[in-house]
PDB file of N, CA and C in Angstrom:
ATOM      1  N   MET A   1     -89.180  75.285 131.110  1.00  0.00           N
ATOM      2  CA  MET A   1     -90.596  75.111 130.833  1.00  0.00           C
ATOM      3  C   MET A   1     -90.984  73.652 131.077  1.00  0.00           C
ATOM      4  N   VAL A   2     -92.053  73.449 131.784  1.00  0.00           N
ATOM      5  CA  VAL A   2     -92.472  72.115 132.213  1.00  0.00           C
ATOM      6  C   VAL A   2     -93.471  71.492 131.236  1.00  0.00           C
ATOM      7  N   ILE A   3     -94.144  72.305 130.466  1.00  0.00           N
ATOM      8  CA  ILE A   3     -95.229  71.807 129.618  1.00  0.00           C
ATOM      9  C   ILE A   3     -94.725  70.865 128.527  1.00  0.00           C
ATOM     10  N   ALA A   4     -93.644  71.225 127.850  1.00  0.00           N
ATOM     11  CA  ALA A   4     -93.141  70.396 126.742  1.00  0.00           C
ATOM     12  C   ALA A   4     -92.726  68.998 127.208  1.00  0.00           C
ATOM     13  N   PRO A   5     -91.916  68.869 128.262  1.00  0.00           N
ATOM     14  CA  PRO A   5     -91.559  67.508 128.708  1.00  0.00           C
ATOM     15  C   PRO A   5     -92.770  66.700 129.182  1.00  0.00           C
ATOM     16  N   LEU A   6     -93.715  67.352 129.839  1.00  0.00           N
ATOM     17  CA  LEU A   6     -94.916  66.654 130.291  1.00  0.00           C
ATOM     18  C   LEU A   6     -95.741  66.179 129.102  1.00  0.00           C
ATOM     19  N   LEU A   7     -95.876  67.029 128.102  1.00  0.00           N
ATOM     20  CA  LEU A   7     -96.613  66.650 126.894  1.00  0.00           C
ATOM     21  C   LEU A   7     -95.915  65.494 126.167  1.00  0.00           C
ATOM     22  N   GLN A   8     -94.596  65.491 126.168  1.00  0.00           N
ATOM     23  CA  GLN A   8     -93.850  64.389 125.551  1.00  0.00           C
ATOM     24  C   GLN A   8     -94.155  63.073 126.252  1.00  0.00           C
ATOM     25  N   VAL A   9     -94.170  63.096 127.568  1.00  0.00           N
ATOM     26  CA  VAL A   9     -94.460  61.872 128.334  1.00  0.00           C
ATOM     27  C   VAL A   9     -95.873  61.385 128.020  1.00  0.00           C
ATOM     28  N   VAL A  10     -96.830  62.300 127.989  1.00  0.00           N
ATOM     29  CA  VAL A  10     -98.214  61.930 127.697  1.00  0.00           C
ATOM     30  C   VAL A  10     -98.319  61.329 126.295  1.00  0.00           C
ATOM     31  N   LEU A  11     -97.644  61.935 125.325  1.00  0.00           N
ATOM     32  CA  LEU A  11     -97.694  61.422 123.951  1.00  0.00           C
ATOM     33  C   LEU A  11     -97.031  60.053 123.837  1.00  0.00           C
ATOM     34  N   TYR A  12     -95.905  59.867 124.529  1.00  0.00           N
ATOM     35  CA  TYR A  12     -95.252  58.546 124.510  1.00  0.00           C
ATOM     36  C   TYR A  12     -96.156  57.483 125.148  1.00  0.00           C
ATOM     37  N   LEU A  13     -96.798  57.822 126.253  1.00  0.00           N
ATOM     38  CA  LEU A  13     -97.705  56.866 126.894  1.00  0.00           C
ATOM     39  C   LEU A  13     -98.885  56.541 125.985  1.00  0.00           C
ATOM     40  N   PHE A  14     -99.387  57.552 125.282  1.00  0.00           N
ATOM     41  CA  PHE A  14    -100.485  57.314 124.344  1.00  0.00           C
ATOM     42  C   PHE A  14    -100.029  56.389 123.213  1.00  0.00           C
ATOM     43  N   MET A  15     -98.805  56.580 122.729  1.00  0.00           N
ATOM     44  CA  MET A  15     -98.276  55.705 121.672  1.00  0.00           C
ATOM     45  C   MET A  15     -98.150  54.271 122.175  1.00  0.00           C
ATOM     46  N   VAL A  16     -97.731  54.107 123.416  1.00  0.00           N
ATOM     47  CA  VAL A  16     -97.643  52.763 124.000  1.00  0.00           C
ATOM     48  C   VAL A  16     -99.032  52.134 124.055  1.00  0.00           C
ATOM     49  N   CYS A  17    -100.030  52.914 124.455  1.00  0.00           N
ATOM     50  CA  CYS A  17    -101.406  52.408 124.489  1.00  0.00           C
ATOM     51  C   CYS A  17    -101.874  52.008 123.091  1.00  0.00           C
ATOM     52  N   LEU A  18    -101.508  52.807 122.088  1.00  0.00           N
ATOM     53  CA  LEU A  18    -101.862  52.456 120.710  1.00  0.00           C
ATOM     54  C   LEU A  18    -101.236  51.128 120.296  1.00  0.00           C
ATOM     55  N   ILE A  19     -99.975  50.935 120.625  1.00  0.00           N
ATOM     56  CA  ILE A  19     -99.281  49.700 120.252  1.00  0.00           C
ATOM     57  C   ILE A  19     -99.892  48.502 120.982  1.00  0.00           C
ATOM     58  N   VAL A  20    -100.176  48.674 122.272  1.00  0.00           N
ATOM     59  CA  VAL A  20    -100.792  47.586 123.045  1.00  0.00           C
ATOM     60  C   VAL A  20    -102.160  47.248 122.455  1.00  0.00           C
ATOM     61  N   ARG A  21    -102.921  48.276 122.085  1.00  0.00           N
ATOM     62  CA  ARG A  21    -104.230  48.026 121.475  1.00  0.00           C
ATOM     63  C   ARG A  21    -104.091  47.263 120.160  1.00  0.00           C
ATOM     64  N   ALA A  22    -103.097  47.608 119.364  1.00  0.00           N
ATOM     65  CA  ALA A  22    -102.881  46.906 118.098  1.00  0.00           C
ATOM     66  C   ALA A  22    -102.545  45.440 118.343  1.00  0.00           C
ATOM     67  N   VAL A  23    -101.688  45.182 119.310  1.00  0.00           N
ATOM     68  CA  VAL A  23    -101.330  43.796 119.626  1.00  0.00           C
ATOM     69  C   VAL A  23    -102.556  43.027 120.116  1.00  0.00           C
ATOM     70  N   PHE A  24    -103.341  43.674 120.977  1.00  0.00           N
ATOM     71  CA  PHE A  24    -104.562  43.023 121.453  1.00  0.00           C
ATOM     72  C   PHE A  24    -105.532  42.742 120.312  1.00  0.00           C
ATOM     73  N   SER A  25    -105.563  43.595 119.320  1.00  0.00           N
ATOM     74  CA  SER A  25    -106.489  43.349 118.202  1.00  0.00           C
ATOM     75  C   SER A  25    -106.077  42.114 117.406  1.00  0.00           C
ATOM     76  N   TRP A  26    -104.805  41.754 117.476  1.00  0.00           N
ATOM     77  CA  TRP A  26    -104.341  40.561 116.758  1.00  0.00           C
ATOM     78  C   TRP A  26    -104.616  39.292 117.547  1.00  0.00           C
ATOM     79  N   ILE A  27    -104.503  39.370 118.879  1.00  0.00           N
ATOM     80  CA  ILE A  27    -104.643  38.151 119.685  1.00  0.00           C
ATOM     81  C   ILE A  27    -106.023  38.009 120.309  1.00  0.00           C
ATOM     82  N   GLU A  28    -106.855  39.036 120.244  1.00  0.00           N
ATOM     83  CA  GLU A  28    -108.216  39.032 120.776  1.00  0.00           C
ATOM     84  C   GLU A  28    -108.283  38.444 122.182  1.00  0.00           C
ATOM     85  N   PRO A  29    -107.840  39.220 123.185  1.00  0.00           N
ATOM     86  CA  PRO A  29    -107.877  38.718 124.563  1.00  0.00           C
ATOM     87  C   PRO A  29    -109.301  38.690 125.105  1.00  0.00           C
ATOM     88  N   TYR A  30    -109.430  38.133 126.282  1.00  0.00           N
ATOM     89  CA  TYR A  30    -110.713  38.122 126.974  1.00  0.00           C
ATOM     90  C   TYR A  30    -111.208  39.569 127.081  1.00  0.00           C
ATOM     91  N   PRO A  31    -112.438  39.860 126.650  1.00  0.00           N
ATOM     92  CA  PRO A  31    -112.919  41.251 126.582  1.00  0.00           C
ATOM     93  C   PRO A  31    -112.909  42.007 127.910  1.00  0.00           C
ATOM     94  N   LYS A  32    -112.969  41.289 129.019  1.00  0.00           N
ATOM     95  CA  LYS A  32    -112.974  41.976 130.308  1.00  0.00           C
ATOM     96  C   LYS A  32    -111.566  42.157 130.880  1.00  0.00           C
ATOM     97  N   ASN A  33    -110.556  41.866 130.098  1.00  0.00           N
ATOM     98  CA  ASN A  33    -109.182  42.080 130.515  1.00  0.00           C
ATOM     99  C   ASN A  33    -108.991  43.561 130.827  1.00  0.00           C
ATOM    100  N   ARG A  34    -108.461  43.870 131.996  1.00  0.00           N
ATOM    101  CA  ARG A  34    -108.333  45.265 132.436  1.00  0.00           C
ATOM    102  C   ARG A  34    -107.409  46.080 131.541  1.00  0.00           C
ATOM    103  N   ILE A  35    -106.308  45.504 131.134  1.00  0.00           N
ATOM    104  CA  ILE A  35    -105.367  46.234 130.279  1.00  0.00           C
ATOM    105  C   ILE A  35    -105.995  46.496 128.922  1.00  0.00           C
ATOM    106  N   HIS A  36    -106.681  45.508 128.378  1.00  0.00           N
ATOM    107  CA  HIS A  36    -107.364  45.682 127.100  1.00  0.00           C
ATOM    108  C   HIS A  36    -108.411  46.782 127.208  1.00  0.00           C
ATOM    109  N   ARG A  37    -109.190  46.752 128.255  1.00  0.00           N
ATOM    110  CA  ARG A  37    -110.240  47.753 128.461  1.00  0.00           C
ATOM    111  C   ARG A  37    -109.643  49.149 128.633  1.00  0.00           C
ATOM    112  N   LEU A  38    -108.554  49.252 129.406  1.00  0.00           N
ATOM    113  CA  LEU A  38    -107.903  50.534 129.653  1.00  0.00           C
ATOM    114  C   LEU A  38    -107.347  51.128 128.359  1.00  0.00           C
ATOM    115  N   THR A  39    -106.640  50.316 127.586  1.00  0.00           N
ATOM    116  CA  THR A  39    -106.072  50.846 126.337  1.00  0.00           C
ATOM    117  C   THR A  39    -107.174  51.225 125.353  1.00  0.00           C
ATOM    118  N   PHE A  40    -108.251  50.455 125.341  1.00  0.00           N
ATOM    119  CA  PHE A  40    -109.373  50.801 124.467  1.00  0.00           C
ATOM    120  C   PHE A  40    -110.000  52.123 124.899  1.00  0.00           C
ATOM    121  N   ASP A  41    -110.229  52.282 126.202  1.00  0.00           N
ATOM    122  CA  ASP A  41    -110.856  53.502 126.712  1.00  0.00           C
ATOM    123  C   ASP A  41    -109.981  54.738 126.481  1.00  0.00           C
ATOM    124  N   ILE A  42    -108.678  54.574 126.517  1.00  0.00           N
ATOM    125  CA  ILE A  42    -107.772  55.705 126.308  1.00  0.00           C
ATOM    126  C   ILE A  42    -107.682  56.080 124.838  1.00  0.00           C
ATOM    127  N   THR A  43    -107.634  55.096 123.959  1.00  0.00           N
ATOM    128  CA  THR A  43    -107.380  55.378 122.544  1.00  0.00           C
ATOM    129  C   THR A  43    -108.629  55.572 121.703  1.00  0.00           C
ATOM    130  N   GLU A  44    -109.751  54.996 122.098  1.00  0.00           N
ATOM    131  CA  GLU A  44    -110.956  55.067 121.268  1.00  0.00           C
ATOM    132  C   GLU A  44    -111.474  56.492 121.044  1.00  0.00           C
ATOM    133  N   PRO A  45    -111.378  57.401 122.025  1.00  0.00           N
ATOM    134  CA  PRO A  45    -111.840  58.772 121.747  1.00  0.00           C
ATOM    135  C   PRO A  45    -111.074  59.460 120.613  1.00  0.00           C
ATOM    136  N   VAL A  46    -109.889  58.987 120.312  1.00  0.00           N
ATOM    137  CA  VAL A  46    -109.116  59.562 119.208  1.00  0.00           C
ATOM    138  C   VAL A  46    -109.305  58.734 117.936  1.00  0.00           C
ATOM    139  N   ILE A  47    -109.246  57.424 118.066  1.00  0.00           N
ATOM    140  CA  ILE A  47    -109.350  56.555 116.892  1.00  0.00           C
ATOM    141  C   ILE A  47    -110.765  56.544 116.314  1.00  0.00           C
ATOM    142  N   GLY A  48    -111.781  56.593 117.175  1.00  0.00           N
ATOM    143  CA  GLY A  48    -113.172  56.539 116.719  1.00  0.00           C
ATOM    144  C   GLY A  48    -113.525  57.618 115.701  1.00  0.00           C
ATOM    145  N   PRO A  49    -113.275  58.894 115.999  1.00  0.00           N
ATOM    146  CA  PRO A  49    -113.586  59.937 115.018  1.00  0.00           C
ATOM    147  C   PRO A  49    -112.793  59.802 113.717  1.00  0.00           C
ATOM    148  N   VAL A  50    -111.545  59.358 113.817  1.00  0.00           N
ATOM    149  CA  VAL A  50    -110.744  59.158 112.601  1.00  0.00           C
ATOM    150  C   VAL A  50    -111.351  58.027 111.779  1.00  0.00           C
ATOM    151  N   ARG A  51    -111.800  56.976 112.443  1.00  0.00           N
ATOM    152  CA  ARG A  51    -112.417  55.852 111.741  1.00  0.00           C
ATOM    153  C   ARG A  51    -113.703  56.285 111.025  1.00  0.00           C
ATOM    154  N   ARG A  52    -114.446  57.219 111.628  1.00  0.00           N
ATOM    155  CA  ARG A  52    -115.656  57.714 110.968  1.00  0.00           C
ATOM    156  C   ARG A  52    -115.309  58.556 109.741  1.00  0.00           C
ATOM    157  N   LEU A  53    -114.199  59.296 109.795  1.00  0.00           N
ATOM    158  CA  LEU A  53    -113.770  60.098 108.641  1.00  0.00           C
ATOM    159  C   LEU A  53    -113.191  59.230 107.526  1.00  0.00           C
ATOM    160  N   VAL A  54    -112.422  58.204 107.924  1.00  0.00           N
ATOM    161  CA  VAL A  54    -111.789  57.303 106.957  1.00  0.00           C
ATOM    162  C   VAL A  54    -112.221  55.883 107.307  1.00  0.00           C
ATOM    163  N   PRO A  55    -113.346  55.432 106.762  1.00  0.00           N
ATOM    164  CA  PRO A  55    -113.837  54.093 107.118  1.00  0.00           C
ATOM    165  C   PRO A  55    -112.896  53.000 106.611  1.00  0.00           C
ATOM    166  N   PRO A  56    -112.959  51.826 107.230  1.00  0.00           N
ATOM    167  CA  PRO A  56    -112.113  50.711 106.782  1.00  0.00           C
ATOM    168  C   PRO A  56    -112.332  50.409 105.304  1.00  0.00           C
ATOM    169  N   MET A  57    -111.233  50.146 104.610  1.00  0.00           N
ATOM    170  CA  MET A  57    -111.284  49.849 103.177  1.00  0.00           C
ATOM    171  C   MET A  57    -110.842  48.414 102.942  1.00  0.00           C
ATOM    172  N   GLY A  58    -111.726  47.612 102.414  1.00  0.00           N
ATOM    173  CA  GLY A  58    -111.381  46.226 102.123  1.00  0.00           C
ATOM    174  C   GLY A  58    -110.975  45.444 103.356  1.00  0.00           C
ATOM    175  N   GLY A  59    -111.569  45.757 104.495  1.00  0.00           N
ATOM    176  CA  GLY A  59    -111.225  45.049 105.721  1.00  0.00           C
ATOM    177  C   GLY A  59    -110.002  45.600 106.432  1.00  0.00           C
ATOM    178  N   LEU A  60    -109.369  46.623 105.867  1.00  0.00           N
ATOM    179  CA  LEU A  60    -108.174  47.221 106.468  1.00  0.00           C
ATOM    180  C   LEU A  60    -108.554  48.544 107.116  1.00  0.00           C
ATOM    181  N   ASP A  61    -108.392  48.611 108.422  1.00  0.00           N
ATOM    182  CA  ASP A  61    -108.695  49.826 109.181  1.00  0.00           C
ATOM    183  C   ASP A  61    -107.404  50.628 109.321  1.00  0.00           C
ATOM    184  N   ILE A  62    -107.306  51.720 108.578  1.00  0.00           N
ATOM    185  CA  ILE A  62    -106.075  52.516 108.607  1.00  0.00           C
ATOM    186  C   ILE A  62    -106.146  53.657 109.622  1.00  0.00           C
ATOM    187  N   SER A  63    -107.243  53.737 110.382  1.00  0.00           N
ATOM    188  CA  SER A  63    -107.375  54.816 111.365  1.00  0.00           C
ATOM    189  C   SER A  63    -106.252  54.748 112.402  1.00  0.00           C
ATOM    190  N   PHE A  64    -105.872  53.534 112.816  1.00  0.00           N
ATOM    191  CA  PHE A  64    -104.773  53.384 113.767  1.00  0.00           C
ATOM    192  C   PHE A  64    -103.486  53.973 113.197  1.00  0.00           C
ATOM    193  N   ILE A  65    -103.199  53.680 111.945  1.00  0.00           N
ATOM    194  CA  ILE A  65    -101.971  54.162 111.303  1.00  0.00           C
ATOM    195  C   ILE A  65    -101.982  55.687 111.217  1.00  0.00           C
ATOM    196  N   LEU A  66    -103.124  56.256 110.859  1.00  0.00           N
ATOM    197  CA  LEU A  66    -103.228  57.708 110.757  1.00  0.00           C
ATOM    198  C   LEU A  66    -103.041  58.377 112.118  1.00  0.00           C
ATOM    199  N   VAL A  67    -103.652  57.814 113.152  1.00  0.00           N
ATOM    200  CA  VAL A  67    -103.508  58.383 114.494  1.00  0.00           C
ATOM    201  C   VAL A  67    -102.066  58.244 114.974  1.00  0.00           C
ATOM    202  N   PHE A  68    -101.464  57.095 114.752  1.00  0.00           N
ATOM    203  CA  PHE A  68    -100.079  56.891 115.177  1.00  0.00           C
ATOM    204  C   PHE A  68     -99.158  57.879 114.461  1.00  0.00           C
ATOM    205  N   PHE A  69     -99.370  58.078 113.177  1.00  0.00           N
ATOM    206  CA  PHE A  69     -98.569  59.028 112.408  1.00  0.00           C
ATOM    207  C   PHE A  69     -98.775  60.451 112.942  1.00  0.00           C
ATOM    208  N   ALA A  70    -100.012  60.823 113.218  1.00  0.00           N
ATOM    209  CA  ALA A  70    -100.302  62.169 113.731  1.00  0.00           C
ATOM    210  C   ALA A  70     -99.654  62.394 115.095  1.00  0.00           C
ATOM    211  N   VAL A  71     -99.729  61.406 115.970  1.00  0.00           N
ATOM    212  CA  VAL A  71     -99.113  61.534 117.293  1.00  0.00           C
ATOM    213  C   VAL A  71     -97.597  61.655 117.154  1.00  0.00           C
ATOM    214  N   THR A  72     -97.020  60.901 116.240  1.00  0.00           N
ATOM    215  CA  THR A  72     -95.576  60.990 115.999  1.00  0.00           C
ATOM    216  C   THR A  72     -95.197  62.385 115.520  1.00  0.00           C
ATOM    217  N   MET A  73     -95.999  62.946 114.626  1.00  0.00           N
ATOM    218  CA  MET A  73     -95.717  64.294 114.112  1.00  0.00           C
ATOM    219  C   MET A  73     -95.822  65.334 115.232  1.00  0.00           C
ATOM    220  N   VAL A  74     -96.864  65.241 116.047  1.00  0.00           N
ATOM    221  CA  VAL A  74     -97.027  66.176 117.159  1.00  0.00           C
ATOM    222  C   VAL A  74     -95.868  66.031 118.141  1.00  0.00           C
ATOM    223  N   LEU A  75     -95.456  64.813 118.397  1.00  0.00           N
ATOM    224  CA  LEU A  75     -94.333  64.567 119.298  1.00  0.00           C
ATOM    225  C   LEU A  75     -93.058  65.217 118.766  1.00  0.00           C
ATOM    226  N   GLN A  76     -92.812  65.108 117.476  1.00  0.00           N
ATOM    227  CA  GLN A  76     -91.639  65.745 116.883  1.00  0.00           C
ATOM    228  C   GLN A  76     -91.717  67.260 116.998  1.00  0.00           C
ATOM    229  N   LEU A  77     -92.890  67.828 116.794  1.00  0.00           N
ATOM    230  CA  LEU A  77     -93.055  69.273 116.937  1.00  0.00           C
ATOM    231  C   LEU A  77     -92.794  69.722 118.371  1.00  0.00           C
ATOM    232  N   VAL A  78     -93.289  68.967 119.325  1.00  0.00           N
ATOM    233  CA  VAL A  78     -93.084  69.311 120.732  1.00  0.00           C
ATOM    234  C   VAL A  78     -91.610  69.191 121.086  1.00  0.00           C
ATOM    235  N   GLN A  79     -90.930  68.183 120.567  1.00  0.00           N
ATOM    236  CA  GLN A  79     -89.502  68.016 120.872  1.00  0.00           C
ATOM    237  C   GLN A  79     -88.684  69.164 120.282  1.00  0.00           C
ATOM    238  N   ARG A  80     -89.048  69.621 119.105  1.00  0.00           N
ATOM    239  CA  ARG A  80     -88.335  70.757 118.511  1.00  0.00           C
ATOM    240  C   ARG A  80     -88.589  72.036 119.280  1.00  0.00           C
ATOM    241  N   ALA A  81     -89.804  72.211 119.751  1.00  0.00           N
ATOM    242  CA  ALA A  81     -90.175  73.431 120.469  1.00  0.00           C
ATOM    243  C   ALA A  81     -89.587  73.454 121.877  1.00  0.00           C
ATOM    244  N   GLY A  82     -89.422  72.258 122.449  1.00  0.00           N
ATOM    245  CA  GLY A  82     -88.957  72.160 123.838  1.00  0.00           C
ATOM    246  C   GLY A  82     -87.500  72.204 123.900  1.00  0.00           C
TER     247      GLY A  82
END
């Protein structure tokens, strides 16, 4: 079956984008940086709705952590199924 390995690759790439976005949020690169823009465009459709459901508390945005945890859980399920 080809779907499970392909989904694993997509999920791993998404996790890499999440990590790169987190690092960029700490160093605040030039806003027109292509890598910054790409990772934002890939991850924001997932992080944005989570952020609306769980707004930042005391300046701490936990939406990234929740999305990363959810992607990890889905990845584990796909690995078990595949």
